[in-house]
């Protein structure tokens, strides 16, 4: 039995990867962030925050849950 992946899931992952690269993340950095415990929602918030060019404020909805993840991954 072959494992199949939904085309919409593949498209969503491709969009996330492209958006992350647009703001300066590598695919490896985004994977490291997720592996370190950052949620997909928080990664999206971080990407959106960088797209907006916001110099202040937190990109995280729940900063206590993800505060040290970018720092641990060398991105902060």
C-alpha atoms as a PDB file:
ATOM      1  CA  UNK A   1       0.000   0.000   0.000  1.00  0.00           C
ATOM      2  CA  UNK A   2       1.480   3.314  -1.070  1.00  0.00           C
ATOM      3  CA  UNK A   3       1.454   6.352   1.171  1.00  0.00           C
ATOM      4  CA  UNK A   4      -0.199   9.269  -0.551  1.00  0.00           C
ATOM      5  CA  UNK A   5       0.057  12.886   0.407  1.00  0.00           C
ATOM      6  CA  UNK A   6      -2.772  15.283  -0.246  1.00  0.00           C
ATOM      7  CA  UNK A   7      -1.983  17.717  -3.068  1.00  0.00           C
ATOM      8  CA  UNK A   8      -3.395  20.543  -0.941  1.00  0.00           C
ATOM      9  CA  UNK A   9      -0.960  19.647   1.871  1.00  0.00           C
ATOM     10  CA  UNK A  10       1.952  19.707  -0.570  1.00  0.00           C
ATOM     11  CA  UNK A  11       0.797  23.095  -1.892  1.00  0.00           C
ATOM     12  CA  UNK A  12       0.500  24.502   1.645  1.00  0.00           C
ATOM     13  CA  UNK A  13       4.001  23.317   2.560  1.00  0.00           C
ATOM     14  CA  UNK A  14       5.407  24.799  -0.648  1.00  0.00           C
ATOM     15  CA  UNK A  15       3.761  28.161   0.131  1.00  0.00           C
ATOM     16  CA  UNK A  16       5.116  28.111   3.689  1.00  0.00           C
ATOM     17  CA  UNK A  17       8.608  27.322   2.411  1.00  0.00           C
ATOM     18  CA  UNK A  18       8.488  30.084  -0.217  1.00  0.00           C
ATOM     19  CA  UNK A  19       7.205  32.661   2.263  1.00  0.00           C
ATOM     20  CA  UNK A  20       9.901  31.700   4.763  1.00  0.00           C
ATOM     21  CA  UNK A  21      12.617  31.981   2.136  1.00  0.00           C
ATOM     22  CA  UNK A  22      11.228  35.374   1.063  1.00  0.00           C
ATOM     23  CA  UNK A  23      11.916  36.748   4.555  1.00  0.00           C
ATOM     24  CA  UNK A  24      15.365  35.204   4.821  1.00  0.00           C
ATOM     25  CA  UNK A  25      14.854  31.778   6.377  1.00  0.00           C
ATOM     26  CA  UNK A  26      16.367  28.690   4.865  1.00  0.00           C
ATOM     27  CA  UNK A  27      14.355  25.492   4.717  1.00  0.00           C
ATOM     28  CA  UNK A  28      16.779  24.016   7.235  1.00  0.00           C
ATOM     29  CA  UNK A  29      16.215  26.905   9.669  1.00  0.00           C
ATOM     30  CA  UNK A  30      12.450  26.494   9.457  1.00  0.00           C
ATOM     31  CA  UNK A  31      12.745  22.751  10.061  1.00  0.00           C
ATOM     32  CA  UNK A  32      15.061  23.431  13.020  1.00  0.00           C
ATOM     33  CA  UNK A  33      12.537  25.879  14.468  1.00  0.00           C
ATOM     34  CA  UNK A  34       9.742  23.339  14.189  1.00  0.00           C
ATOM     35  CA  UNK A  35      11.939  20.556  15.579  1.00  0.00           C
ATOM     36  CA  UNK A  36      12.840  22.816  18.518  1.00  0.00           C
ATOM     37  CA  UNK A  37       9.180  23.137  19.429  1.00  0.00           C
ATOM     38  CA  UNK A  38       7.931  26.183  17.528  1.00  0.00           C
ATOM     39  CA  UNK A  39       4.372  25.613  16.366  1.00  0.00           C
ATOM     40  CA  UNK A  40       3.422  25.978  12.710  1.00  0.00           C
ATOM     41  CA  UNK A  41       1.098  28.807  13.770  1.00  0.00           C
ATOM     42  CA  UNK A  42       3.987  30.619  15.475  1.00  0.00           C
ATOM     43  CA  UNK A  43       6.233  30.078  12.435  1.00  0.00           C
ATOM     44  CA  UNK A  44       3.542  31.642  10.266  1.00  0.00           C
ATOM     45  CA  UNK A  45       3.316  34.566  12.691  1.00  0.00           C
ATOM     46  CA  UNK A  46       7.096  35.013  12.576  1.00  0.00           C
ATOM     47  CA  UNK A  47       7.101  34.973   8.773  1.00  0.00           C
ATOM     48  CA  UNK A  48       4.218  37.478   8.653  1.00  0.00           C
ATOM     49  CA  UNK A  49       5.991  39.685  11.186  1.00  0.00           C
ATOM     50  CA  UNK A  50       9.128  39.709   9.041  1.00  0.00           C
ATOM     51  CA  UNK A  51       7.106  40.384   5.875  1.00  0.00           C
ATOM     52  CA  UNK A  52       5.620  43.438   7.557  1.00  0.00           C
ATOM     53  CA  UNK A  53       9.095  44.632   8.524  1.00  0.00           C
ATOM     54  CA  UNK A  54       7.900  45.340  12.047  1.00  0.00           C
ATOM     55  CA  UNK A  55      10.791  46.671  14.154  1.00  0.00           C
ATOM     56  CA  UNK A  56       9.047  46.067  17.469  1.00  0.00           C
ATOM     57  CA  UNK A  57       6.562  43.779  19.106  1.00  0.00           C
ATOM     58  CA  UNK A  58       6.427  40.051  19.248  1.00  0.00           C
ATOM     59  CA  UNK A  59       5.502  37.942  16.243  1.00  0.00           C
ATOM     60  CA  UNK A  60       4.123  35.268  18.537  1.00  0.00           C
ATOM     61  CA  UNK A  61       0.540  34.900  19.641  1.00  0.00           C
ATOM     62  CA  UNK A  62       1.700  33.169  22.825  1.00  0.00           C
ATOM     63  CA  UNK A  63       5.222  34.499  23.462  1.00  0.00           C
ATOM     64  CA  UNK A  64       5.718  32.447  26.627  1.00  0.00           C
ATOM     65  CA  UNK A  65       5.342  29.190  24.700  1.00  0.00           C
ATOM     66  CA  UNK A  66       7.915  29.988  21.996  1.00  0.00           C
ATOM     67  CA  UNK A  67      10.171  32.700  23.426  1.00  0.00           C
ATOM     68  CA  UNK A  68      13.499  30.830  23.364  1.00  0.00           C
ATOM     69  CA  UNK A  69      13.022  28.776  20.202  1.00  0.00           C
ATOM     70  CA  UNK A  70      14.401  31.301  17.652  1.00  0.00           C
ATOM     71  CA  UNK A  71      17.344  32.049  19.922  1.00  0.00           C
ATOM     72  CA  UNK A  72      18.165  28.338  20.302  1.00  0.00           C
ATOM     73  CA  UNK A  73      18.078  28.001  16.516  1.00  0.00           C
ATOM     74  CA  UNK A  74      20.355  31.013  15.939  1.00  0.00           C
ATOM     75  CA  UNK A  75      17.669  33.192  14.371  1.00  0.00           C
ATOM     76  CA  UNK A  76      16.848  35.791  17.007  1.00  0.00           C
END
